[in-house]
Amino acid sequence: ADGRIRDAKTVILLQHALLADLLGK
C-alpha cells in the first residue's frame, strides 16, 4: 500500500513539474 501511495505521489509530482514547465514557456 505504501509503495502505491509513493508511486502516486511521484506521478503527481512529475505531472506538476511538466505542467509548470509548459506554463513557464
C-alpha atoms as a PDB file:
ATOM      1  CA  ALA A   1       0.000   0.000   0.000  1.00  0.00           C
ATOM      2  CA  ASP A   2       2.799   2.405   0.916  1.00  0.00           C
ATOM      3  CA  GLY A   3       4.522   1.655  -2.385  1.00  0.00           C
ATOM      4  CA  ARG A   4       1.387   2.526  -4.344  1.00  0.00           C
ATOM      5  CA  ILE A   5       0.938   5.779  -2.438  1.00  0.00           C
ATOM      6  CA  ARG A   6       4.576   6.656  -3.016  1.00  0.00           C
ATOM      7  CA  ASP A   7       4.241   5.932  -6.748  1.00  0.00           C
ATOM      8  CA  ALA A   8       1.083   8.043  -6.929  1.00  0.00           C
ATOM      9  CA  LYS A   9       2.851  10.970  -5.282  1.00  0.00           C
ATOM     10  CA  THR A  10       5.752  10.579  -7.697  1.00  0.00           C
ATOM     11  CA  VAL A  11       3.391  10.643 -10.685  1.00  0.00           C
ATOM     12  CA  ILE A  12       1.637  13.739  -9.340  1.00  0.00           C
ATOM     13  CA  LEU A  13       4.964  15.482  -8.794  1.00  0.00           C
ATOM     14  CA  LEU A  14       6.102  14.587 -12.313  1.00  0.00           C
ATOM     15  CA  GLN A  15       2.859  15.816 -13.865  1.00  0.00           C
ATOM     16  CA  HIS A  16       3.041  19.024 -11.828  1.00  0.00           C
ATOM     17  CA  ALA A  17       6.621  19.581 -12.976  1.00  0.00           C
ATOM     18  CA  LEU A  18       5.641  19.047 -16.616  1.00  0.00           C
ATOM     19  CA  LEU A  19       2.682  21.398 -16.261  1.00  0.00           C
ATOM     20  CA  ALA A  20       4.838  24.057 -14.612  1.00  0.00           C
ATOM     21  CA  ASP A  21       7.378  23.666 -17.421  1.00  0.00           C
ATOM     22  CA  LEU A  22       4.686  24.158 -20.060  1.00  0.00           C
ATOM     23  CA  LEU A  23       3.292  27.197 -18.243  1.00  0.00           C
ATOM     24  CA  GLY A  24       6.813  28.536 -17.873  1.00  0.00           C
ATOM     25  CA  LYS A  25       7.153  28.515 -21.646  1.00  0.00           C
END
